Protein backbone atom coordinates (compact mmCIF):
# COMPACT_ATOMS: atom_id res chain seq x y z
CA MET A 1 39.55 39.37 120.33
CA PRO A 2 42.56 41.41 122.05
CA SER A 3 42.76 45.26 121.61
CA THR A 4 45.85 46.43 120.30
CA LEU A 5 48.12 49.60 120.84
CA THR A 6 49.13 51.43 118.49
CA ASN A 7 52.64 53.89 118.54
CA THR A 8 52.27 57.32 116.45
CA ALA A 9 55.62 57.94 116.63
CA ASP A 10 54.71 61.68 115.34
CA LYS A 11 52.56 62.16 118.01
CA ILE A 12 53.50 60.38 120.76
CA ILE A 13 56.82 61.77 121.83
CA VAL A 14 57.19 60.39 125.74
CA ASP A 15 55.61 56.82 125.81
CA ARG A 16 53.27 56.95 129.00
CA ARG A 17 53.11 53.45 129.03
CA LYS A 18 56.46 52.73 130.17
CA PRO A 19 56.45 53.25 133.75
CA HIS A 20 59.92 52.11 134.62
CA ARG A 21 61.38 54.81 132.54
CA ASN A 22 62.50 57.73 134.77
CA SER A 23 60.71 56.13 137.93
CA ASP A 24 63.98 56.99 140.00
CA VAL A 25 63.82 60.73 138.84
CA ALA A 26 60.29 60.66 139.26
CA ARG A 27 60.35 59.84 142.64
CA ALA A 28 63.21 61.96 143.71
CA VAL A 29 61.49 65.12 141.82
CA ARG A 30 58.26 64.19 144.12
CA ARG A 31 60.32 64.00 147.31
CA ILE A 32 62.24 67.20 146.67
CA ARG A 33 59.14 68.88 145.64
CA ASP A 34 57.65 68.22 149.02
CA ARG A 35 60.56 69.29 151.03
CA LEU A 36 60.98 72.58 149.51
CA ALA A 37 57.22 73.45 149.57
CA GLN A 38 57.42 73.15 153.83
CA GLN A 39 59.01 76.38 155.40
CA PRO A 40 61.26 76.08 158.49
CA GLY A 41 60.22 75.13 161.58
CA ASN A 42 57.61 72.32 159.74
CA VAL A 43 57.90 68.16 159.70
CA GLY A 44 60.09 68.02 156.97
CA TYR A 45 63.10 70.57 157.83
CA ASP A 46 63.05 69.83 161.47
CA ARG A 47 63.49 65.99 160.51
CA GLU A 48 66.64 67.29 158.21
CA LEU A 49 67.94 69.35 161.31
CA LEU A 50 67.45 66.53 163.81
CA LYS A 51 69.59 64.24 161.48
CA LEU A 52 71.92 67.17 161.11
CA HIS A 53 72.51 67.68 164.77
CA ALA A 54 72.80 63.62 165.28
CA ASN A 55 75.62 64.03 162.98
CA SER A 56 77.44 67.36 164.32
CA THR A 57 77.11 65.06 167.96
CA ILE A 58 78.65 61.71 166.86
CA ALA A 59 81.42 64.26 164.85
CA GLY A 60 82.19 65.81 168.21
CA ALA A 61 81.72 62.99 170.47
CA ALA A 62 85.67 62.09 170.46
CA ALA A 63 86.20 66.10 171.60
CA VAL A 64 84.23 65.66 174.86
CA PRO A 65 86.28 62.49 176.51
CA LEU A 66 89.66 64.14 175.33
CA LEU A 67 88.74 67.52 177.14
CA VAL A 68 87.88 65.29 180.07
CA SER A 69 91.17 63.17 180.16
CA ILE A 70 93.14 66.28 180.01
CA ILE A 71 91.18 67.80 182.95
CA ALA A 72 91.38 64.50 184.62
CA ILE A 73 94.93 64.14 184.47
CA GLY A 74 95.53 67.90 185.52
CA GLY A 75 93.58 66.95 188.77
CA MET A 76 95.66 63.78 189.73
CA LEU A 77 98.85 65.53 189.56
CA ALA A 78 97.00 68.20 191.63
CA GLY A 79 96.14 65.63 194.14
CA MET A 80 92.39 64.95 193.31
CA THR A 81 92.47 61.77 193.11
CA LEU A 82 89.42 60.07 193.61
CA SER A 83 87.23 62.82 193.09
CA ILE A 84 88.37 63.84 189.51
CA ALA A 85 88.28 59.97 188.38
CA ILE A 86 84.92 59.65 189.81
CA TRP A 87 84.13 62.88 187.92
CA ALA A 88 85.77 61.68 184.74
CA LEU A 89 83.89 58.34 184.46
CA ILE A 90 80.37 60.21 185.38
CA THR A 91 80.80 62.58 182.17
CA VAL A 92 82.51 59.82 179.84
CA THR A 93 79.46 57.78 180.62
CA CYS A 94 77.10 60.04 180.43
CA TYR A 95 78.64 61.36 177.00
CA ALA A 96 78.75 57.75 175.35
CA GLY A 97 74.97 57.59 176.13
CA LEU A 98 74.55 61.05 174.50
CA ALA A 99 76.35 59.25 171.26
CA PHE A 100 74.48 56.48 171.52
CA VAL A 101 71.20 57.94 171.01
CA ALA A 102 72.78 59.78 168.17
CA LYS A 103 74.20 57.33 166.59
CA ARG A 104 70.66 55.31 166.39
CA ILE A 105 68.77 58.38 165.07
CA GLU A 106 71.54 58.48 162.23
CA ARG A 107 71.25 54.91 161.07
CA GLN A 108 67.16 55.76 160.80
CA GLN A 109 65.65 57.22 157.53
CA THR A 110 65.04 60.38 157.64
CA ASP A 111 61.30 60.19 156.51
CA ASP A 112 60.82 57.48 159.36
CA LEU A 113 61.72 59.85 162.25
CA ASP A 114 59.14 60.91 164.91
CA VAL A 115 60.10 64.73 165.75
CA ALA A 116 58.43 64.98 169.21
CA TRP A 117 60.01 61.57 170.03
CA THR A 118 63.40 62.43 168.89
CA LYS A 119 63.34 66.09 170.12
CA ARG A 120 62.90 64.60 174.00
CA ALA A 121 65.33 61.76 173.53
CA PHE A 122 67.82 64.43 172.23
CA LEU A 123 67.12 66.97 175.63
CA VAL A 124 67.07 64.15 177.56
CA GLY A 125 70.64 63.04 176.36
CA HIS A 126 71.98 66.39 176.89
CA PHE A 127 70.43 66.73 180.01
CA VAL A 128 72.17 63.16 181.37
CA SER A 129 75.29 64.60 179.50
CA GLY A 130 75.16 67.61 181.75
CA LEU A 131 75.01 65.65 185.17
CA GLY A 132 79.29 65.26 184.92
CA TRP A 133 79.84 68.81 184.37
CA ALA A 134 77.18 69.82 187.80
CA TYR A 135 79.46 66.79 189.72
CA LEU A 136 82.23 69.23 188.70
CA ALA A 137 80.40 72.38 189.29
CA ALA A 138 79.20 71.20 192.70
CA LEU A 139 83.08 69.86 193.76
CA ARG A 140 85.10 71.36 196.46
CA CYS A 141 88.54 70.51 197.07
CA ASP A 142 90.09 72.13 200.43
CA GLU A 143 93.00 69.93 200.43
CA CYS A 144 94.69 70.16 196.93
CA SER A 145 97.10 72.32 195.68
CA VAL A 146 95.37 74.01 192.78
CA ALA A 147 95.15 77.48 193.66
CA GLN A 148 91.65 79.23 193.15
CA PHE A 149 89.97 76.10 192.35
CA PRO A 150 86.42 77.45 191.71
CA VAL A 151 88.01 79.80 189.36
CA VAL A 152 89.44 77.03 187.30
CA LYS A 153 86.08 75.13 187.06
CA ALA A 154 84.18 78.09 186.28
CA VAL A 155 87.35 78.49 183.27
CA LEU A 156 86.39 75.00 182.37
CA LEU A 157 83.04 75.25 182.62
CA LEU A 158 82.98 78.39 180.42
CA LEU A 159 85.15 76.40 177.86
CA ALA A 160 82.34 73.38 177.85
CA VAL A 161 79.52 76.06 176.97
CA ALA A 162 81.23 77.63 174.30
CA ALA A 163 82.12 73.87 172.85
CA SER A 164 78.40 72.72 173.17
CA ALA A 165 77.19 75.83 171.68
CA LEU A 166 78.97 75.23 168.22
CA ILE A 167 78.23 70.72 168.60
CA ALA A 168 74.54 71.58 169.78
CA ALA A 169 73.55 74.46 167.43
CA SER A 170 71.41 72.47 165.34
CA LEU A 171 68.81 71.93 168.80
CA ARG A 172 67.39 74.84 169.99
CA GLY A 173 67.50 74.23 174.19
CA ALA A 174 70.01 71.81 174.04
CA LEU A 175 72.49 74.05 175.71
CA VAL A 176 70.37 75.46 178.36
CA ALA A 177 69.60 71.79 178.95
CA THR A 178 73.38 70.56 178.88
CA PHE A 179 74.50 73.76 181.39
CA ALA A 180 71.45 75.07 183.59
CA LEU A 181 71.54 72.47 186.27
CA PRO A 182 75.73 72.98 186.42
CA VAL A 183 75.87 76.49 186.27
CA LEU A 184 73.06 77.00 189.11
CA LEU A 185 74.77 74.42 191.16
CA TYR A 186 78.52 76.30 190.83
CA ALA A 187 76.77 79.38 191.73
CA ALA A 188 75.05 77.70 195.05
CA LEU A 189 77.70 75.28 196.19
CA GLY A 190 80.79 75.86 194.06
CA ALA A 191 81.70 79.01 194.54
CA ASP A 192 82.24 81.53 197.55
CA LEU A 193 80.20 84.94 196.50
CA ARG A 194 81.66 86.55 199.22
CA GLN A 195 84.71 86.62 197.01
CA PRO A 196 84.61 88.86 194.53
CA VAL A 197 86.73 86.67 191.93
CA GLU A 198 84.26 83.76 192.50
CA ALA A 199 81.24 85.84 192.36
CA LEU A 200 82.73 87.25 189.14
CA MET A 201 82.95 83.88 187.64
CA ALA A 202 79.57 83.08 188.69
CA ALA A 203 77.97 85.98 187.07
CA LEU A 204 79.94 85.45 183.74
CA LEU A 205 78.65 81.47 183.60
CA VAL A 206 75.00 82.70 184.60
CA LEU A 207 75.34 85.44 181.68
CA SER A 208 77.15 82.92 179.32
CA LEU A 209 74.08 80.75 178.76
CA PRO A 210 71.91 83.71 177.04
CA PHE A 211 74.79 84.80 175.16
CA PHE A 212 76.36 81.45 174.12
CA SER A 213 72.35 80.54 173.38
CA TYR A 214 71.90 83.37 171.50
CA ILE A 215 75.31 82.52 169.00
CA SER A 216 74.13 79.14 168.94
CA GLY A 217 70.47 80.89 167.56
CA HIS A 218 72.68 82.38 165.09
CA ILE A 219 74.15 79.26 163.79
CA TYR A 220 70.75 77.67 164.06
CA ARG A 221 69.39 80.10 161.46
CA SER A 222 72.71 79.52 158.89
CA SER A 223 71.92 75.83 159.09
CA LEU A 224 68.22 76.65 158.30
CA MET A 225 69.23 78.91 155.15
CA LEU A 226 71.74 76.19 154.29
CA LEU A 227 69.20 73.37 154.38
CA SER A 228 67.04 75.84 152.21
CA PHE A 229 69.80 76.00 149.88
CA ARG A 230 70.70 72.31 149.62
CA THR A 231 66.86 71.70 149.11
CA GLU A 232 66.60 74.19 146.03
CA LYS A 233 69.53 72.88 144.75
CA ASP A 234 68.43 69.09 144.56
CA ALA A 235 65.33 70.24 143.35
CA LEU A 236 66.79 72.17 140.21
CA ILE A 237 69.32 69.18 139.68
CA ALA A 238 65.99 66.60 140.12
CA GLU A 239 64.19 69.13 137.82
CA LEU A 240 66.93 69.05 134.87
CA GLU A 241 67.54 65.42 135.00
CA THR A 242 64.04 64.64 134.63
CA ALA A 243 63.88 67.94 131.67
CA LYS A 244 67.06 65.81 130.41
CA ALA A 245 65.73 62.17 130.26
CA MET A 246 62.16 63.53 128.41
CA SER A 247 64.39 65.70 125.90
CA ASP A 248 66.37 62.72 125.03
CA GLU A 249 62.99 60.21 124.74
CA ALA A 250 61.52 63.00 122.55
CA ARG A 251 64.32 62.83 120.92
CA LEU A 252 64.86 59.38 120.25
CA ARG A 253 61.20 59.31 119.05
CA ALA A 254 61.33 62.15 116.30
CA GLU A 255 64.40 60.21 115.15
CA GLU A 256 62.80 57.10 114.76
CA ALA A 257 59.47 59.02 113.41
CA ASN A 258 62.07 60.65 110.85
CA LEU A 259 63.83 57.43 109.99
CA ALA A 260 60.63 55.73 109.53
CA LYS A 261 59.11 57.96 107.32
CA SER A 262 62.70 57.95 105.01
CA ARG A 263 62.70 54.56 105.36
CA PHE A 264 58.72 54.14 103.55
CA LEU A 265 59.98 56.98 100.74
CA ALA A 266 62.76 55.03 100.14
CA SER A 267 60.68 51.93 99.46
CA MET A 268 58.02 53.17 97.51
CA SER A 269 60.58 54.32 94.66
CA HIS A 270 59.31 51.37 92.31
CA GLU A 271 55.46 51.49 93.13
CA LEU A 272 55.42 55.30 92.19
CA ARG A 273 57.65 55.42 89.35
CA THR A 274 56.39 52.36 87.45
CA PRO A 275 52.56 53.93 87.27
CA LEU A 276 54.39 57.28 86.12
CA ASN A 277 56.69 55.93 83.37
CA ALA A 278 53.33 54.47 82.12
CA ILE A 279 51.58 58.09 81.99
CA LEU A 280 54.42 59.62 80.69
CA GLY A 281 54.92 56.78 77.66
CA PHE A 282 51.05 56.83 76.86
CA SER A 283 51.18 60.64 76.87
CA GLU A 284 53.92 61.08 74.90
CA VAL A 285 52.68 58.14 72.51
CA MET A 286 49.32 60.17 72.44
CA GLY A 287 50.87 63.93 72.10
CA SER A 288 53.49 62.73 69.21
CA GLU A 289 50.34 60.94 67.25
CA VAL A 290 52.34 57.98 66.96
CA LEU A 291 49.08 55.59 66.18
CA GLY A 292 47.51 58.49 63.98
CA PRO A 293 46.19 61.96 64.12
CA MET A 294 43.89 62.96 66.67
CA ALA A 295 40.64 64.66 65.36
CA ASN A 296 40.36 67.17 68.62
CA THR A 297 43.60 69.44 68.65
CA THR A 298 42.31 70.04 72.57
CA TYR A 299 42.79 66.33 73.58
CA LYS A 300 46.43 66.61 72.14
CA ASP A 301 46.95 69.68 74.12
CA TYR A 302 45.69 67.41 76.89
CA ALA A 303 48.15 64.90 75.98
CA HIS A 304 51.22 67.53 76.46
CA ASP A 305 49.51 68.68 79.80
CA ILE A 306 49.75 65.17 81.33
CA HIS A 307 53.45 64.62 79.54
CA SER A 308 54.54 67.88 81.05
CA SER A 309 52.88 67.29 84.51
CA GLY A 310 53.91 63.66 85.02
CA GLN A 311 57.30 65.00 84.29
CA HIS A 312 57.50 67.49 86.99
CA LEU A 313 55.67 65.09 89.37
CA LEU A 314 58.58 62.73 88.69
CA GLN A 315 61.45 65.34 88.86
CA LEU A 316 59.74 65.68 92.22
CA ILE A 317 59.34 62.28 93.36
CA ASN A 318 62.83 61.15 92.43
CA GLU A 319 63.92 64.54 94.51
CA ILE A 320 62.11 63.40 97.54
CA LEU A 321 63.36 59.54 97.29
CA ASP A 322 66.68 60.69 96.89
CA LEU A 323 66.75 62.95 100.10
CA SER A 324 64.87 59.98 102.03
CA ARG A 325 67.74 57.64 101.04
CA ILE A 326 70.32 60.53 102.28
CA GLU A 327 68.66 61.01 105.40
CA ALA A 328 67.62 57.05 105.68
CA GLY A 329 71.61 56.10 104.89
CA ARG A 330 70.49 54.32 102.20
CA TYR A 331 72.24 56.24 99.28
CA GLN A 332 75.05 54.07 98.46
CA LEU A 333 78.30 56.01 96.70
CA ASN A 334 79.27 54.52 93.52
CA GLU A 335 83.02 56.03 93.62
CA GLU A 336 85.34 56.24 91.03
CA ALA A 337 88.36 58.26 89.32
CA LEU A 338 86.63 61.19 87.58
CA SER A 339 87.58 64.77 86.70
CA LEU A 340 85.93 67.55 88.39
CA ALA A 341 86.30 70.05 86.14
CA GLY A 342 85.22 67.72 83.23
CA THR A 343 82.10 66.72 85.32
CA VAL A 344 81.46 70.41 85.77
CA GLU A 345 81.82 71.30 82.40
CA ASP A 346 79.15 68.57 80.77
CA SER A 347 76.88 69.85 83.32
CA CYS A 348 77.28 73.45 81.92
CA HIS A 349 76.80 72.39 78.25
CA MET A 350 73.73 70.58 79.58
CA MET A 351 72.15 73.74 81.34
CA THR A 352 73.19 75.46 77.94
CA LEU A 353 69.79 75.71 76.40
CA LYS A 354 67.77 76.59 79.40
CA ALA A 355 70.09 79.42 79.98
CA ARG A 356 70.07 80.92 76.24
CA ALA A 357 66.42 80.80 76.57
CA LYS A 358 66.90 83.17 79.15
CA ASP A 359 69.96 85.08 77.34
CA ILE A 360 71.89 84.29 80.65
CA ARG A 361 75.92 83.65 79.88
CA ILE A 362 77.24 81.17 81.92
CA VAL A 363 81.46 81.80 82.50
CA GLU A 364 83.32 78.80 83.01
CA GLU A 365 86.52 79.05 85.04
CA PHE A 366 88.65 76.01 85.56
CA GLU A 367 91.85 75.60 86.57
CA GLN A 368 94.04 73.54 84.53
CA ASP A 369 95.91 70.17 85.31
CA MET A 370 93.90 69.49 88.24
CA PRO A 371 93.93 65.58 89.66
CA ARG A 372 90.97 63.29 89.41
CA LEU A 373 88.87 62.83 92.51
CA HIS A 374 87.73 59.50 94.28
CA ALA A 375 83.76 60.23 93.90
CA ASP A 376 80.59 59.38 92.85
CA GLU A 377 80.48 60.94 89.34
CA ARG A 378 76.17 61.06 89.35
CA ALA A 379 76.03 62.65 92.71
CA VAL A 380 78.83 65.45 91.61
CA ARG A 381 76.59 65.41 88.84
CA GLN A 382 73.39 65.85 90.51
CA ILE A 383 75.49 68.45 92.58
CA THR A 384 76.32 70.50 89.63
CA LEU A 385 73.00 70.61 88.06
CA ASN A 386 71.10 71.42 91.21
CA LEU A 387 73.51 74.20 91.30
CA LEU A 388 73.27 75.44 87.90
CA SER A 389 69.44 74.78 87.89
CA ASN A 390 68.59 77.18 90.92
CA ALA A 391 71.11 80.10 89.19
CA VAL A 392 69.48 80.14 85.80
CA LYS A 393 66.01 79.70 87.57
CA PHE A 394 66.65 82.83 90.06
CA THR A 395 68.79 85.05 87.33
CA PRO A 396 67.10 87.72 85.67
CA GLY A 397 67.74 87.85 82.03
CA GLY A 398 70.56 89.37 80.44
CA GLY A 399 72.61 88.04 83.88
CA GLU A 400 75.60 86.00 84.06
CA ILE A 401 76.59 82.83 86.25
CA ARG A 402 80.01 82.16 86.96
CA VAL A 403 81.13 78.94 87.23
CA ARG A 404 84.81 78.07 88.81
CA VAL A 405 86.35 74.73 89.89
CA GLY A 406 89.83 75.19 91.54
CA TRP A 407 91.79 74.05 94.60
CA THR A 408 91.28 74.91 98.23
CA ALA A 409 94.14 76.16 100.92
CA GLY A 410 93.82 72.85 102.31
CA GLY A 411 94.66 70.56 99.52
CA GLY A 412 91.05 69.96 98.48
CA GLN A 413 89.06 70.75 95.35
CA TYR A 414 85.83 73.20 95.12
CA LEU A 415 83.03 74.00 93.16
CA SER A 416 81.84 77.37 92.86
CA VAL A 417 78.53 79.02 91.21
CA LYS A 418 77.56 82.50 91.48
CA ASP A 419 74.84 84.42 90.11
CA ASN A 420 74.06 87.93 90.25
CA GLY A 421 70.43 87.65 90.81
CA PRO A 422 68.28 88.93 93.71
CA GLY A 423 70.14 87.30 96.32
CA ILE A 424 68.55 85.84 99.64
CA ALA A 425 67.99 87.77 102.78
CA GLU A 426 70.28 86.62 105.60
CA ASP A 427 67.13 85.25 107.85
CA GLU A 428 65.84 83.41 104.87
CA LEU A 429 68.93 81.37 104.92
CA PRO A 430 67.93 78.49 107.35
CA VAL A 431 64.33 78.45 105.54
CA VAL A 432 65.96 78.09 101.75
CA LEU A 433 68.51 75.07 103.54
CA SER A 434 65.35 72.98 104.82
CA ALA A 435 63.99 70.48 102.92
CA PHE A 436 60.80 72.08 101.09
CA GLY A 437 62.16 75.47 102.23
CA GLN A 438 61.83 78.28 99.72
CA GLY A 439 62.57 82.07 100.01
CA SER A 440 60.02 85.00 99.61
CA ILE A 441 61.48 85.61 95.99
CA ALA A 442 61.19 81.80 95.24
CA ILE A 443 57.75 81.93 96.30
CA LYS A 444 56.90 84.96 93.99
CA SER A 445 58.51 83.51 90.79
CA ALA A 446 56.74 81.91 88.40
CA GLU A 447 58.78 78.68 87.82
CA GLN A 448 58.00 75.71 90.08
CA GLY A 449 60.34 74.22 92.33
CA THR A 450 60.37 71.78 95.32
CA GLY A 451 62.61 73.17 97.56
CA LEU A 452 65.00 70.01 97.71
CA GLY A 453 67.82 71.25 95.33
CA LEU A 454 70.05 72.66 97.89
CA PRO A 455 69.34 69.97 100.57
CA ILE A 456 70.21 67.38 98.29
CA VAL A 457 73.33 69.02 97.66
CA GLN A 458 74.22 69.09 101.60
CA GLY A 459 73.47 65.61 101.69
CA LEU A 460 75.42 64.60 99.22
CA ILE A 461 78.71 66.38 99.95
CA ALA A 462 78.29 65.08 103.57
CA LEU A 463 78.61 61.73 101.95
CA HIS A 464 81.61 62.70 100.16
CA GLY A 465 83.27 64.24 103.76
CA GLY A 466 83.11 67.92 101.99
CA SER A 467 81.44 70.94 103.46
CA PHE A 468 78.90 73.27 102.05
CA ASP A 469 78.92 77.21 101.94
CA ILE A 470 76.02 79.33 100.97
CA ARG A 471 76.74 83.59 100.54
CA SER A 472 74.06 86.14 99.28
CA LYS A 473 73.51 89.19 99.94
CA LEU A 474 70.24 91.04 98.92
CA ARG A 475 70.12 92.67 94.98
CA GLU A 476 73.77 91.22 94.57
CA GLY A 477 73.53 87.75 94.22
CA THR A 478 74.35 84.47 95.75
CA GLU A 479 77.31 82.04 95.87
CA VAL A 480 77.04 78.53 96.62
CA ILE A 481 80.31 76.69 97.34
CA VAL A 482 81.02 73.04 97.41
CA VAL A 483 84.54 71.22 98.75
CA PHE A 484 85.57 68.20 98.59
CA PRO A 485 88.52 67.20 101.03
CA ALA A 486 92.10 67.11 100.21
CA ALA A 487 91.61 63.04 101.73
CA ARG A 488 89.60 62.48 97.87
CA VAL A 489 92.18 63.96 95.26
CA MET A 490 93.90 61.14 94.03
CA GLU A 491 97.98 61.95 93.50
CA ALA A 492 99.24 60.95 89.91
CA MET A 493 100.75 57.36 89.59
CA PRO A 494 104.62 57.71 88.32
CA ALA A 495 104.67 55.97 84.91
CA VAL A 496 105.49 52.24 84.81
CA PRO A 497 108.71 51.44 82.54
CA ALA A 498 107.37 48.77 79.66
CA PRO A 499 108.78 45.26 80.68
CA GLY A 500 111.39 45.85 77.43
CA ALA A 501 112.64 48.80 78.22
CA ALA A 502 113.21 47.44 82.12
CA ALA A 503 114.71 44.42 80.71
CA GLY A 504 117.31 46.74 78.35
CA GLY A 505 118.16 48.66 81.46
CA ARG A 506 119.53 45.62 83.21
CA ARG A 507 121.59 44.69 79.97
């Protein structure tokens, strides 16, 4: 017998049986966490730095041939045609080999790089690229027309060292591997150390290597810091994406669970009301002694208790079903033209007996000659009765309830129910407006309540496109205002003349 998996929407927030969801984000989070957990100098950071060095080498590949071309043109103009051409060919070829190595490494995946082999390949490439500068450093030109040729060579080597310090900053040792041999050959063969100027230039070249290595080290540390910040940013972005995906999925499942609950309650209307109506009917027959008197009065009292409890239970079920239909989107408005003031007045008359029993006065303040509303009369009546019932319930004996109907500033119509009861604390307003929510005063009250009156009012007025507002202060009372939008106010149509009158006017 195959086993079945049950989905409990209110318990399973994230469905772990769906591995395809968020798999890319999860892999990114794991990868970035691994990178973030590494410290500079470890394999992960070394791979990133090698990739960064490959990119900078490729980006600067065009600068070196340009510099070599300018130097070669100047040397040819000075009469060094053959020697400078050989130097230019060697230098460009060596740098082309370095660029080829960098391009090959740049194409590889970061996780596939062999750190030790890649470092050796880069250092060998830099050493080979320095052979061209070594040839220039050792080159002599006694017959050319350039005065102080060793000084010019030193200046060119200093420029090359400075440029390489910027380009090769991501790889430690690259600058020394490139220019250690050229500087040594310049000091040994390319300059006459007996000449003060040439000796000074040789000393500057020797000192330039540790100086520019120090500068390159600063750039290297800045690259490490930049890489660390970028890794942390990637990690935060991945974490946020994961949290957002899980939050969206949890919200979706919560909405599905709430919708399923609302649909279930809405579909139980017939099954719940049918036995309750039978209980109410039979208990009323027994309490009224329609089929004959009861010998035991206690049974008669029990019948009245059953009837009153059944009425309370039926009212509770009706309110739950109404709220469920509203939440499930199955509450259908039966819209027609109605007078808001007339509907509210009828509701006030229905609550008069209950108000008089507590010695509460209902004051009606209605604006006259208001046009009709295009709304559901049953919904408007339920809104009014819910607000009046709450006001009567919490207004003390001898109090007053003021009911007003009038115009809004935007051309709509409003209903206001204000009492002088104990009021509601500001921090309890969200509780009161939630389903089954009751404030501390309602809990202490002896009158029964379900806590669904105001949520139903909110839902019904929202279906009409209106707004709901509650204003309350402790020991001052509560005012609830519902507003119907101007779009639901029907304009008065001009009178249509009788057919006979219209004909008479044409004669």
